[in-house]
Amino acid sequence: MAISIIICLVVLAVLGFRLRHIHYTFVCELRSGKVNVIKGHVPSSFVHDCRQMMRGRKVVGLVKGIQRNGSMHLHFSRSITQADQIYLEKKFPHKLYSSDASDINGSVTLD
């Protein structure tokens, strides 16, 4: 009986860890006016927009992209202001990551 309880607890712990671990499509670091792509592929237009936003300002943080339910969701560090988050959300090319076939041209590649 005790062994089955221990096994159940171990299984629950592993499942809890797996649910907490999120697989990001991409991760960008914004620091000192530079955009470093840490993981994945990010459209060059979005990198350019990040640099434009940071011009003359001290913005430090991470932008993470998660593909969920056929669309891309962006997650921002707390250090990035709400106004900057809205700006980047509007500038991000969501159509490139859409699962709807009518939105994607087959010749589109990510830089």
N, C-alpha and C. Protein backbone atom coordinates (compact mmCIF):
# COMPACT_ATOMS: atom_id res chain seq x y z
N MET A 1 0.81 -1.19 0.00
CA MET A 1 0.00 0.00 0.00
C MET A 1 0.86 1.26 0.00
N ALA A 2 1.89 1.27 0.82
CA ALA A 2 2.77 2.43 0.93
C ALA A 2 3.54 2.64 -0.38
N ILE A 3 3.91 1.54 -1.02
CA ILE A 3 4.65 1.64 -2.27
C ILE A 3 3.78 2.26 -3.37
N SER A 4 2.52 1.88 -3.43
CA SER A 4 1.63 2.45 -4.45
C SER A 4 1.40 3.95 -4.22
N ILE A 5 1.35 4.38 -2.97
CA ILE A 5 1.20 5.81 -2.67
C ILE A 5 2.45 6.58 -3.10
N ILE A 6 3.61 6.01 -2.83
CA ILE A 6 4.87 6.64 -3.24
C ILE A 6 4.95 6.74 -4.75
N ILE A 7 4.56 5.68 -5.44
CA ILE A 7 4.58 5.69 -6.91
C ILE A 7 3.63 6.77 -7.45
N CYS A 8 2.45 6.88 -6.86
CA CYS A 8 1.48 7.91 -7.28
C CYS A 8 2.03 9.31 -7.06
N LEU A 9 2.69 9.53 -5.94
CA LEU A 9 3.28 10.84 -5.66
C LEU A 9 4.38 11.18 -6.65
N VAL A 10 5.20 10.19 -6.99
CA VAL A 10 6.27 10.41 -7.96
C VAL A 10 5.68 10.73 -9.33
N VAL A 11 4.66 10.01 -9.74
CA VAL A 11 4.01 10.27 -11.03
C VAL A 11 3.40 11.66 -11.05
N LEU A 12 2.74 12.05 -9.98
CA LEU A 12 2.16 13.40 -9.90
C LEU A 12 3.23 14.48 -9.94
N ALA A 13 4.36 14.25 -9.28
CA ALA A 13 5.45 15.22 -9.30
C ALA A 13 6.02 15.37 -10.71
N VAL A 14 6.20 14.26 -11.41
CA VAL A 14 6.71 14.32 -12.78
C VAL A 14 5.72 15.03 -13.69
N LEU A 15 4.44 14.74 -13.57
CA LEU A 15 3.44 15.41 -14.39
C LEU A 15 3.38 16.91 -14.09
N GLY A 16 3.47 17.26 -12.82
CA GLY A 16 3.48 18.67 -12.45
C GLY A 16 4.68 19.40 -13.03
N PHE A 17 5.84 18.76 -13.01
CA PHE A 17 7.04 19.37 -13.59
C PHE A 17 6.88 19.54 -15.09
N ARG A 18 6.34 18.53 -15.76
CA ARG A 18 6.16 18.59 -17.22
C ARG A 18 5.18 19.68 -17.62
N LEU A 19 4.14 19.88 -16.83
CA LEU A 19 3.17 20.92 -17.13
C LEU A 19 3.74 22.32 -16.91
N ARG A 20 4.66 22.46 -15.98
CA ARG A 20 5.28 23.77 -15.72
C ARG A 20 6.30 24.12 -16.79
N HIS A 21 6.92 23.13 -17.39
CA HIS A 21 7.95 23.37 -18.39
C HIS A 21 7.28 23.74 -19.71
N ILE A 22 7.47 24.97 -20.14
CA ILE A 22 6.84 25.48 -21.36
C ILE A 22 7.87 25.48 -22.48
N HIS A 23 7.46 25.01 -23.63
CA HIS A 23 8.34 24.99 -24.79
C HIS A 23 8.14 26.27 -25.58
N TYR A 24 9.11 27.16 -25.52
CA TYR A 24 9.04 28.42 -26.24
C TYR A 24 9.47 28.23 -27.69
N THR A 25 8.75 28.88 -28.61
CA THR A 25 9.13 28.85 -30.02
C THR A 25 10.36 29.70 -30.24
N PHE A 26 10.41 30.84 -29.56
CA PHE A 26 11.60 31.68 -29.62
C PHE A 26 11.73 32.47 -28.33
N VAL A 27 12.96 32.93 -28.08
CA VAL A 27 13.25 33.80 -26.95
C VAL A 27 14.21 34.87 -27.43
N CYS A 28 13.87 36.14 -27.18
CA CYS A 28 14.72 37.28 -27.54
C CYS A 28 15.08 38.03 -26.28
N GLU A 29 16.34 38.44 -26.19
CA GLU A 29 16.79 39.25 -25.07
C GLU A 29 16.97 40.68 -25.56
N LEU A 30 16.34 41.62 -24.88
CA LEU A 30 16.48 43.04 -25.20
C LEU A 30 17.39 43.65 -24.14
N ARG A 31 18.53 44.18 -24.59
CA ARG A 31 19.49 44.74 -23.63
C ARG A 31 20.43 45.71 -24.35
N SER A 32 20.59 46.88 -23.78
CA SER A 32 21.55 47.89 -24.26
C SER A 32 21.35 48.21 -25.74
N GLY A 33 20.11 48.31 -26.18
CA GLY A 33 19.83 48.66 -27.58
C GLY A 33 20.05 47.53 -28.56
N LYS A 34 20.34 46.34 -28.07
CA LYS A 34 20.57 45.18 -28.93
C LYS A 34 19.49 44.13 -28.70
N VAL A 35 19.23 43.37 -29.74
CA VAL A 35 18.28 42.26 -29.66
C VAL A 35 19.06 40.98 -29.93
N ASN A 36 19.15 40.13 -28.93
CA ASN A 36 19.83 38.85 -29.08
C ASN A 36 18.79 37.74 -29.12
N VAL A 37 18.81 36.96 -30.18
CA VAL A 37 17.91 35.82 -30.28
C VAL A 37 18.58 34.65 -29.56
N ILE A 38 18.00 34.26 -28.45
CA ILE A 38 18.57 33.19 -27.63
C ILE A 38 18.15 31.83 -28.15
N LYS A 39 16.89 31.74 -28.59
CA LYS A 39 16.37 30.45 -29.04
C LYS A 39 15.39 30.68 -30.18
N GLY A 40 15.40 29.81 -31.16
CA GLY A 40 14.41 29.84 -32.23
C GLY A 40 14.72 30.83 -33.32
N HIS A 41 13.75 31.04 -34.18
CA HIS A 41 13.87 31.96 -35.31
C HIS A 41 12.82 33.05 -35.16
N VAL A 42 13.28 34.29 -35.30
CA VAL A 42 12.41 35.44 -35.15
C VAL A 42 12.45 36.21 -36.46
N PRO A 43 11.30 36.66 -36.97
CA PRO A 43 11.29 37.44 -38.21
C PRO A 43 12.15 38.70 -38.07
N SER A 44 12.92 38.99 -39.10
CA SER A 44 13.82 40.14 -39.05
C SER A 44 13.05 41.45 -38.88
N SER A 45 11.82 41.51 -39.39
CA SER A 45 11.04 42.73 -39.22
C SER A 45 10.73 42.98 -37.74
N PHE A 46 10.50 41.92 -36.97
CA PHE A 46 10.21 42.08 -35.55
C PHE A 46 11.47 42.51 -34.80
N VAL A 47 12.62 41.96 -35.18
CA VAL A 47 13.89 42.37 -34.56
C VAL A 47 14.13 43.85 -34.83
N HIS A 48 13.86 44.29 -36.06
CA HIS A 48 14.02 45.70 -36.42
C HIS A 48 13.07 46.57 -35.59
N ASP A 49 11.83 46.14 -35.42
CA ASP A 49 10.87 46.90 -34.62
C ASP A 49 11.31 46.99 -33.16
N CYS A 50 11.90 45.93 -32.64
CA CYS A 50 12.41 45.95 -31.26
C CYS A 50 13.52 46.98 -31.13
N ARG A 51 14.42 47.01 -32.11
CA ARG A 51 15.51 47.99 -32.08
C ARG A 51 14.98 49.41 -32.18
N GLN A 52 13.97 49.62 -33.01
CA GLN A 52 13.37 50.95 -33.16
C GLN A 52 12.76 51.41 -31.82
N MET A 53 12.08 50.51 -31.14
CA MET A 53 11.46 50.85 -29.88
C MET A 53 12.50 51.20 -28.83
N MET A 54 13.63 50.51 -28.84
CA MET A 54 14.66 50.68 -27.82
C MET A 54 15.57 51.87 -28.10
N ARG A 55 15.47 52.46 -29.25
CA ARG A 55 16.38 53.54 -29.64
C ARG A 55 16.30 54.70 -28.62
N GLY A 56 17.45 54.99 -28.01
CA GLY A 56 17.53 56.10 -27.06
C GLY A 56 16.93 55.81 -25.70
N ARG A 57 16.57 54.58 -25.42
CA ARG A 57 15.94 54.22 -24.15
C ARG A 57 16.62 53.00 -23.56
N LYS A 58 16.51 52.85 -22.28
CA LYS A 58 17.07 51.67 -21.61
C LYS A 58 15.95 50.66 -21.40
N VAL A 59 15.87 49.71 -22.28
CA VAL A 59 14.89 48.64 -22.16
C VAL A 59 15.65 47.33 -21.96
N VAL A 60 15.33 46.63 -20.91
CA VAL A 60 16.00 45.36 -20.60
C VAL A 60 14.92 44.33 -20.30
N GLY A 61 15.01 43.17 -20.93
CA GLY A 61 14.05 42.12 -20.65
C GLY A 61 14.04 41.05 -21.71
N LEU A 62 13.10 40.12 -21.57
CA LEU A 62 12.96 39.01 -22.51
C LEU A 62 11.59 39.07 -23.18
N VAL A 63 11.57 38.68 -24.45
CA VAL A 63 10.33 38.47 -25.18
C VAL A 63 10.31 37.00 -25.57
N LYS A 64 9.27 36.29 -25.16
CA LYS A 64 9.17 34.85 -25.43
C LYS A 64 7.92 34.60 -26.26
N GLY A 65 8.07 33.75 -27.26
CA GLY A 65 6.94 33.37 -28.10
C GLY A 65 6.55 31.93 -27.87
N ILE A 66 5.25 31.72 -27.67
CA ILE A 66 4.71 30.37 -27.47
C ILE A 66 3.63 30.14 -28.51
N GLN A 67 3.78 29.07 -29.29
CA GLN A 67 2.76 28.74 -30.27
C GLN A 67 1.72 27.85 -29.58
N ARG A 68 0.49 28.39 -29.53
CA ARG A 68 -0.58 27.68 -28.83
C ARG A 68 -1.89 27.89 -29.59
N ASN A 69 -2.64 26.83 -29.76
CA ASN A 69 -3.94 26.88 -30.43
C ASN A 69 -3.86 27.52 -31.82
N GLY A 70 -2.80 27.23 -32.54
CA GLY A 70 -2.67 27.71 -33.91
C GLY A 70 -2.27 29.16 -34.05
N SER A 71 -1.86 29.81 -32.96
CA SER A 71 -1.40 31.19 -33.07
C SER A 71 -0.25 31.43 -32.11
N MET A 72 0.46 32.52 -32.32
CA MET A 72 1.62 32.85 -31.51
C MET A 72 1.20 33.79 -30.39
N HIS A 73 1.62 33.47 -29.17
CA HIS A 73 1.36 34.32 -28.01
C HIS A 73 2.70 34.82 -27.50
N LEU A 74 2.79 36.11 -27.27
CA LEU A 74 4.03 36.70 -26.77
C LEU A 74 3.94 36.90 -25.26
N HIS A 75 5.03 36.57 -24.57
CA HIS A 75 5.15 36.79 -23.13
C HIS A 75 6.33 37.71 -22.91
N PHE A 76 6.16 38.70 -22.05
CA PHE A 76 7.17 39.72 -21.83
C PHE A 76 7.65 39.68 -20.39
N SER A 77 8.90 40.09 -20.18
CA SER A 77 9.42 40.25 -18.82
C SER A 77 8.67 41.39 -18.14
N ARG A 78 8.65 41.35 -16.83
CA ARG A 78 7.99 42.42 -16.08
C ARG A 78 8.68 43.75 -16.24
N SER A 79 9.96 43.73 -16.58
CA SER A 79 10.72 44.97 -16.72
C SER A 79 10.34 45.75 -17.99
N ILE A 80 9.65 45.12 -18.91
CA ILE A 80 9.21 45.80 -20.14
C ILE A 80 7.86 46.45 -19.84
N THR A 81 7.77 47.76 -20.11
CA THR A 81 6.56 48.50 -19.75
C THR A 81 5.36 48.03 -20.56
N GLN A 82 4.17 48.32 -20.05
CA GLN A 82 2.92 47.93 -20.71
C GLN A 82 2.82 48.57 -22.09
N ALA A 83 3.24 49.84 -22.21
CA ALA A 83 3.18 50.53 -23.50
C ALA A 83 4.09 49.86 -24.53
N ASP A 84 5.28 49.45 -24.09
CA ASP A 84 6.20 48.76 -24.99
C ASP A 84 5.67 47.38 -25.38
N GLN A 85 5.02 46.71 -24.44
CA GLN A 85 4.43 45.40 -24.75
C GLN A 85 3.35 45.54 -25.81
N ILE A 86 2.51 46.54 -25.67
CA ILE A 86 1.44 46.75 -26.66
C ILE A 86 2.04 47.08 -28.01
N TYR A 87 3.08 47.93 -28.04
CA TYR A 87 3.73 48.29 -29.30
C TYR A 87 4.29 47.06 -29.99
N LEU A 88 5.01 46.23 -29.25
CA LEU A 88 5.62 45.03 -29.84
C LEU A 88 4.57 44.01 -30.26
N GLU A 89 3.51 43.89 -29.48
CA GLU A 89 2.42 42.97 -29.84
C GLU A 89 1.78 43.37 -31.17
N LYS A 90 1.60 44.67 -31.37
CA LYS A 90 1.01 45.14 -32.63
C LYS A 90 1.97 44.97 -33.81
N LYS A 91 3.26 45.10 -33.56
CA LYS A 91 4.26 45.00 -34.64
C LYS A 91 4.61 43.57 -35.02
N PHE A 92 4.31 42.61 -34.13
CA PHE A 92 4.69 41.22 -34.39
C PHE A 92 3.87 40.65 -35.54
N PRO A 93 4.52 39.99 -36.53
CA PRO A 93 3.80 39.41 -37.68
C PRO A 93 3.13 38.08 -37.31
N HIS A 94 1.98 38.15 -36.67
CA HIS A 94 1.27 36.95 -36.22
C HIS A 94 0.86 36.05 -37.38
N LYS A 95 0.66 36.60 -38.56
CA LYS A 95 0.22 35.78 -39.70
C LYS A 95 1.25 34.74 -40.09
N LEU A 96 2.53 35.01 -39.83
CA LEU A 96 3.57 34.04 -40.16
C LEU A 96 3.44 32.76 -39.34
N TYR A 97 2.86 32.86 -38.17
CA TYR A 97 2.75 31.71 -37.28
C TYR A 97 1.34 31.15 -37.22
N SER A 98 0.44 31.69 -38.00
CA SER A 98 -0.95 31.24 -38.00
C SER A 98 -1.05 29.86 -38.63
N SER A 99 -1.90 29.01 -38.07
CA SER A 99 -2.08 27.68 -38.64
C SER A 99 -3.12 27.70 -39.76
N ASP A 100 -3.81 28.82 -39.96
CA ASP A 100 -4.80 28.95 -41.03
C ASP A 100 -4.06 29.00 -42.37
N ALA A 101 -4.33 28.07 -43.24
CA ALA A 101 -3.62 27.95 -44.51
C ALA A 101 -3.82 29.16 -45.41
N SER A 102 -4.94 29.85 -45.30
CA SER A 102 -5.20 31.00 -46.16
C SER A 102 -4.33 32.20 -45.78
N ASP A 103 -3.79 32.22 -44.55
CA ASP A 103 -2.97 33.33 -44.11
C ASP A 103 -1.50 33.20 -44.50
N ILE A 104 -1.08 32.01 -44.83
CA ILE A 104 0.35 31.78 -45.07
C ILE A 104 0.61 31.51 -46.53
N ASN A 105 1.55 32.24 -47.09
CA ASN A 105 2.03 31.97 -48.43
C ASN A 105 3.12 30.91 -48.30
N GLY A 106 3.08 29.89 -49.13
CA GLY A 106 4.04 28.80 -49.02
C GLY A 106 5.48 29.21 -49.21
N SER A 107 5.74 30.38 -49.78
CA SER A 107 7.11 30.80 -50.02
C SER A 107 7.69 31.62 -48.87
N VAL A 108 6.93 31.83 -47.81
CA VAL A 108 7.41 32.63 -46.70
C VAL A 108 8.39 31.80 -45.86
N THR A 109 9.55 32.39 -45.56
CA THR A 109 10.51 31.75 -44.66
C THR A 109 10.84 32.74 -43.57
N LEU A 110 11.21 32.23 -42.42
CA LEU A 110 11.59 33.07 -41.31
C LEU A 110 13.08 33.30 -41.34
N ASP A 111 13.48 34.54 -41.12
CA ASP A 111 14.92 34.88 -41.11
C ASP A 111 15.58 34.41 -39.85
